[in-house]
Protein backbone atom coordinates (compact mmCIF):
# COMPACT_ATOMS: atom_id res chain seq x y z
CA MET A 1 36.31 -30.07 25.98
CA GLY A 2 36.06 -33.45 27.65
CA CYS A 3 33.24 -34.26 30.05
CA SER A 4 35.74 -34.32 32.92
CA ASP A 5 36.71 -30.68 32.26
CA ARG A 6 33.29 -29.09 32.71
CA ASP A 7 32.95 -25.75 34.49
CA PHE A 8 29.18 -25.89 35.17
CA GLN A 9 26.72 -28.53 36.26
CA LEU A 10 24.05 -27.33 33.81
CA SER A 11 24.24 -25.71 30.38
CA VAL A 12 21.05 -24.19 28.99
CA CYS A 13 21.30 -24.58 25.20
CA THR A 14 18.79 -22.75 23.04
CA THR A 15 18.18 -20.86 19.82
CA ASN A 16 16.29 -17.68 19.07
CA TYR A 17 14.63 -16.08 16.09
CA ASN A 18 12.45 -12.97 16.30
CA CYS A 19 11.33 -13.58 19.89
CA ALA A 20 11.98 -10.05 21.17
CA HIS A 21 8.38 -9.89 22.40
CA ALA A 22 9.09 -12.76 24.83
CA LEU A 23 12.80 -12.54 25.66
CA ASP A 24 12.78 -10.35 28.75
CA SER A 25 10.00 -12.42 30.34
CA HIS A 26 11.64 -15.67 29.26
CA LEU A 27 15.09 -14.78 30.58
CA SER A 28 13.71 -13.42 33.86
CA SER A 29 11.77 -16.64 34.39
CA VAL A 30 14.80 -18.85 33.68
CA TYR A 31 17.21 -16.90 35.87
CA ASP A 32 14.64 -16.75 38.67
CA ALA A 33 13.88 -20.48 38.46
CA LEU A 34 17.53 -21.54 38.34
CA SER A 35 18.83 -19.02 40.87
CA GLY A 36 21.44 -20.60 43.10
CA LEU A 37 22.10 -23.52 40.75
CA ASP A 38 25.40 -23.96 38.93
CA PHE A 39 24.35 -23.13 35.36
CA GLU A 40 25.22 -21.21 32.23
CA TYR A 41 22.92 -19.95 29.46
CA VAL A 42 24.09 -20.33 25.85
CA VAL A 43 21.85 -18.96 23.10
CA VAL A 44 22.38 -18.90 19.33
CA ASP A 45 20.45 -16.14 17.56
CA ASN A 46 19.56 -16.91 13.93
CA PHE A 47 20.12 -13.31 12.74
CA SER A 48 16.80 -12.09 14.11
CA LYS A 49 15.21 -9.15 12.33
CA ASP A 50 13.59 -7.72 15.45
CA ASP A 51 15.19 -6.41 18.64
CA SER A 52 16.24 -9.86 19.87
CA LEU A 53 20.00 -9.53 19.54
CA ARG A 54 20.11 -6.22 21.40
CA ILE A 55 18.04 -7.69 24.25
CA LEU A 56 20.23 -10.80 24.44
CA LYS A 57 23.46 -8.80 24.45
CA SER A 58 22.04 -6.46 27.11
CA TRP A 59 21.35 -9.44 29.37
CA ALA A 60 24.74 -11.00 28.63
CA ALA A 61 26.48 -7.77 29.64
CA LYS A 62 24.98 -8.21 33.11
CA LYS A 63 25.23 -12.02 33.39
CA SER A 64 28.70 -13.55 33.49
CA ASN A 65 27.22 -17.00 32.86
CA MET A 66 25.47 -16.03 29.61
CA THR A 67 26.89 -16.49 26.11
CA VAL A 68 25.24 -15.04 23.00
CA LEU A 69 26.21 -16.23 19.51
CA ALA A 70 24.85 -15.01 16.17
CA ARG A 71 24.81 -17.70 13.48
CA ARG A 72 22.69 -18.60 10.48
CA CYS A 73 21.14 -21.86 11.66
CA THR A 74 18.15 -24.13 11.90
CA MET A 75 16.72 -24.89 15.32
CA GLY A 76 18.62 -28.17 15.42
CA SER A 77 21.98 -26.87 14.21
CA GLY A 78 21.68 -23.87 16.53
CA ARG A 79 21.17 -26.07 19.56
CA GLN A 80 24.08 -28.21 18.44
CA ILE A 81 26.30 -25.11 18.15
CA ALA A 82 25.20 -24.11 21.66
CA SER A 83 26.01 -27.60 22.99
CA GLU A 84 29.49 -27.45 21.46
CA ARG A 85 30.14 -24.22 23.35
CA ALA A 86 28.55 -25.56 26.53
CA ARG A 87 30.69 -26.22 29.60
CA GLY A 88 28.19 -28.20 31.68
CA PHE A 89 27.73 -31.88 32.48
CA TYR A 90 24.04 -31.72 31.54
CA PHE A 91 22.47 -29.93 28.58
CA VAL A 92 19.12 -28.25 29.28
CA VAL A 93 17.13 -27.41 26.13
CA LEU A 94 14.67 -24.53 26.55
CA ASP A 95 12.59 -22.37 24.19
CA THR A 96 12.95 -18.59 24.12
CA ASP A 97 9.22 -18.06 23.50
CA VAL A 98 8.31 -19.85 26.73
CA VAL A 99 7.97 -18.16 30.13
CA TYR A 100 8.90 -20.77 32.72
CA SER A 101 7.19 -21.36 36.05
CA THR A 102 8.55 -22.63 39.35
CA MET A 103 7.98 -26.11 37.90
CA LEU A 104 11.23 -25.70 35.97
CA ARG A 105 13.21 -25.55 39.23
CA LYS A 106 11.31 -28.53 40.67
CA PHE A 107 11.91 -30.52 37.49
CA ILE A 108 15.65 -29.79 37.40
CA GLU A 109 16.14 -30.60 41.09
CA ALA A 110 14.16 -33.85 40.85
CA TYR A 111 16.14 -34.81 37.77
CA LEU A 112 19.51 -34.20 39.42
CA HIS A 113 18.52 -36.02 42.61
CA GLY A 114 17.05 -39.17 41.09
CA PHE A 115 17.02 -39.37 37.31
CA SER A 116 20.37 -38.02 36.08
CA ALA A 117 21.31 -41.34 34.44
CA PHE A 118 18.58 -40.65 31.86
CA SER A 119 17.69 -38.07 29.26
CA VAL A 120 14.29 -36.69 30.28
CA GLN A 121 11.99 -34.59 28.11
CA ALA A 122 9.23 -32.55 29.73
CA ILE A 123 6.96 -30.14 27.87
CA TYR A 124 9.13 -27.12 26.91
CA CYS A 125 12.29 -28.51 28.55
CA GLY A 126 14.61 -31.46 28.06
CA VAL A 127 17.65 -32.43 30.15
CA PHE A 128 20.36 -34.59 28.62
CA PRO A 129 23.60 -35.92 30.09
CA GLY A 130 26.33 -34.49 27.87
CA ARG A 131 27.78 -37.95 27.26
CA GLN A 132 24.45 -39.28 25.97
CA TRP A 133 23.92 -36.26 23.72
CA ILE A 134 27.41 -36.64 22.24
CA GLN A 135 27.20 -40.42 21.94
CA ALA A 136 23.91 -40.13 20.06
CA GLY A 137 25.41 -37.60 17.64
CA GLY A 138 23.71 -34.45 18.94
CA ARG A 139 21.16 -32.36 17.08
CA ARG A 140 21.02 -32.37 13.30
CA SER A 141 20.23 -29.43 11.02
CA LEU A 142 16.45 -29.64 11.20
CA ASN A 143 13.56 -27.38 12.12
CA THR A 144 10.85 -30.04 11.93
CA ASN A 145 11.42 -33.25 13.90
CA GLU A 146 14.72 -31.96 15.29
CA ASP A 147 13.70 -32.99 18.79
CA VAL A 148 12.18 -36.36 17.86
CA ASP A 149 15.24 -37.20 15.76
CA LEU A 150 17.50 -37.01 18.84
CA TRP A 151 14.98 -38.64 21.18
CA VAL A 152 14.85 -41.74 19.01
CA ARG A 153 18.63 -42.04 18.80
CA ILE A 154 18.95 -41.79 22.59
CA ALA A 155 16.04 -44.21 23.04
CA ARG A 156 18.18 -46.87 21.37
CA PHE A 157 20.43 -46.73 24.44
CA GLY A 158 17.42 -47.36 26.69
CA THR A 159 17.94 -44.05 28.49
CA MET A 160 15.26 -41.77 26.96
CA LYS A 161 12.34 -40.89 29.25
CA TRP A 162 9.44 -38.46 29.09
CA PHE A 163 7.63 -36.38 31.72
CA PRO A 164 4.53 -34.94 29.98
CA VAL A 165 4.02 -31.91 32.21
CA ALA A 166 4.22 -28.29 31.05
CA LEU A 167 6.96 -26.33 32.82
CA GLY A 168 5.83 -22.96 31.60
CA ARG A 169 3.60 -21.01 29.22
CA ASN A 170 4.32 -20.84 25.51
CA LEU A 171 3.75 -17.36 24.10
CA LYS A 172 3.57 -18.58 20.50
CA GLU A 173 0.20 -18.18 18.84
CA GLU A 174 -1.86 -21.37 19.15
CA VAL A 175 -2.41 -21.38 15.39
CA ALA A 176 1.35 -21.79 14.95
CA TRP A 177 1.97 -24.77 17.24
CA GLY A 178 3.56 -27.95 16.01
CA MET A 179 3.69 -28.48 12.25
CA ASP A 180 2.05 -25.08 11.72
CA ASP A 181 4.99 -23.04 13.05
CA HIS A 182 5.19 -21.27 9.67
CA LEU A 183 1.99 -19.37 10.57
CA SER A 184 3.67 -17.48 13.40
CA ASN A 185 3.59 -13.70 13.24
CA ARG A 186 7.38 -13.81 13.66
CA TYR A 187 7.70 -14.53 9.94
CA SER A 188 7.07 -12.46 6.84
CA ASN A 189 4.98 -14.06 4.09
CA ARG A 190 8.17 -14.89 2.18
CA GLU A 191 9.58 -16.57 5.27
CA ARG A 192 6.36 -18.52 5.74
CA VAL A 193 6.75 -20.01 2.27
CA LEU A 194 10.41 -20.83 2.90
CA ARG A 195 9.52 -22.40 6.26
CA LEU A 196 6.91 -24.57 4.55
CA ILE A 197 9.44 -25.76 1.99
CA ARG A 198 11.97 -26.40 4.75
CA ARG A 199 9.34 -28.38 6.68
CA GLU A 200 8.84 -30.71 3.72
CA TRP A 201 12.59 -31.12 3.28
CA ASP A 202 12.99 -31.99 6.95
CA LEU A 203 10.11 -34.48 6.79
CA MET A 204 11.80 -36.16 3.85
CA LYS A 205 15.14 -36.28 5.69
CA THR A 206 13.44 -37.87 8.71
CA ARG A 207 10.91 -40.00 6.80
CA GLY A 208 12.07 -43.09 8.71
CA LEU A 209 10.46 -41.59 11.82
CA GLY A 210 7.06 -41.90 10.15
CA LYS A 211 7.17 -45.65 10.73
CA LEU A 212 7.69 -45.18 14.46
CA ASP A 213 4.82 -45.35 16.93
CA LEU A 214 6.06 -42.36 18.91
CA THR A 215 2.93 -42.18 21.05
CA ARG A 216 3.57 -45.72 22.25
CA LEU A 217 7.28 -45.09 22.79
CA ILE A 218 6.53 -42.06 24.99
CA ARG A 219 3.75 -43.83 26.89
CA GLU A 220 5.97 -46.84 27.67
CA ASN A 221 8.80 -44.59 28.85
CA THR A 222 6.85 -41.99 30.79
CA ILE A 223 8.08 -41.40 34.33
CA ASP A 224 6.71 -39.52 37.34
CA LEU A 225 9.29 -37.27 38.98
CA GLY A 226 7.10 -36.83 42.06
CA ILE A 227 6.99 -33.03 41.95
CA GLY A 228 3.25 -32.61 42.44
CA ALA A 229 2.06 -32.75 38.85
CA PRO A 230 1.20 -36.21 37.55
CA PRO A 231 2.33 -36.86 33.98
CA GLY A 232 -0.39 -36.81 31.34
CA GLN A 233 -0.27 -37.54 27.62
CA TRP A 234 2.20 -35.97 25.24
CA PRO A 235 0.35 -33.00 23.69
CA GLN A 236 1.41 -33.45 20.07
CA ALA A 237 0.65 -36.73 18.35
CA ARG A 238 2.98 -37.50 15.45
CA VAL A 239 0.86 -39.19 12.78
CA GLY A 240 2.58 -40.82 9.84
CA GLN A 241 1.52 -39.64 6.38
CA SER A 242 1.96 -41.07 2.91
CA ASP A 243 3.81 -39.05 0.27
CA PHE A 244 0.45 -38.22 -1.33
CA GLU A 245 -1.08 -37.08 1.97
CA ARG A 246 1.95 -34.93 2.70
CA ALA A 247 1.79 -33.36 -0.77
CA VAL A 248 -1.90 -32.55 -0.31
CA ARG A 249 -1.17 -30.93 3.04
CA PHE A 250 1.68 -28.89 1.56
CA VAL A 251 -0.53 -27.54 -1.25
CA ARG A 252 -3.29 -26.71 1.24
CA ASP A 253 -0.87 -24.93 3.58
CA LEU A 254 0.74 -23.06 0.70
CA LYS A 255 -2.66 -21.79 -0.42
CA GLN A 256 -3.39 -20.67 3.13
CA VAL A 257 -0.12 -18.72 3.32
CA TRP A 258 -0.74 -17.21 -0.11
CA SER A 259 -4.16 -15.98 1.00
CA MET A 260 -2.50 -14.11 3.88
CA ARG A 261 -0.59 -11.84 1.49
């Protein structure tokens, strides 16, 4: 579908895996925050083993603007699948384990009124003009660095901005944030090992990003949307590691997972 044939102003594009514990609260918060706006919600479920798919389908049966797909996917490829089904001018990337506050509505409205020429990433939400997303090549099949990978490609156009303000509350365990996602209770021990291996594969695929001073890039392109919360620092510093340092971390993390058996 061409950008001139869009049916919605906004397309929420997200993925889900084993987030049944958060889905009802997440979806309620999104639909409440975006009430009255012209949006659709497209979610790709990665064959969850909990009650996620039933919950998603139950919501979709009551929401004409909600599309649920079941596909084997990484976080990146799932969001790309969602974007290819999207019918909006702007792609809004959310997380299904985040319960959003009224800040989400303020962020979206400020973006549409004054910053829609840019791609803007806040904490737990990014908004991207469809043309920029497509021109940059969209999301690649990654779990680790899948967001940074796209940010950097859009930054080459001079249109990538950041707004380091949290727009909601992440229900993921703190021990599983960032590079330690494999420690989440959503995964079995076997899945934790596979997630660790996948993390290393993704880091190798995106090893060029290790040379980038991401902290500086974000700081120099931080904007204030004027919605009452001044931007701070990006919460997750991406520190480059040598192959040896990465190998040591992998062995350490593997031992930690093994001890959880």
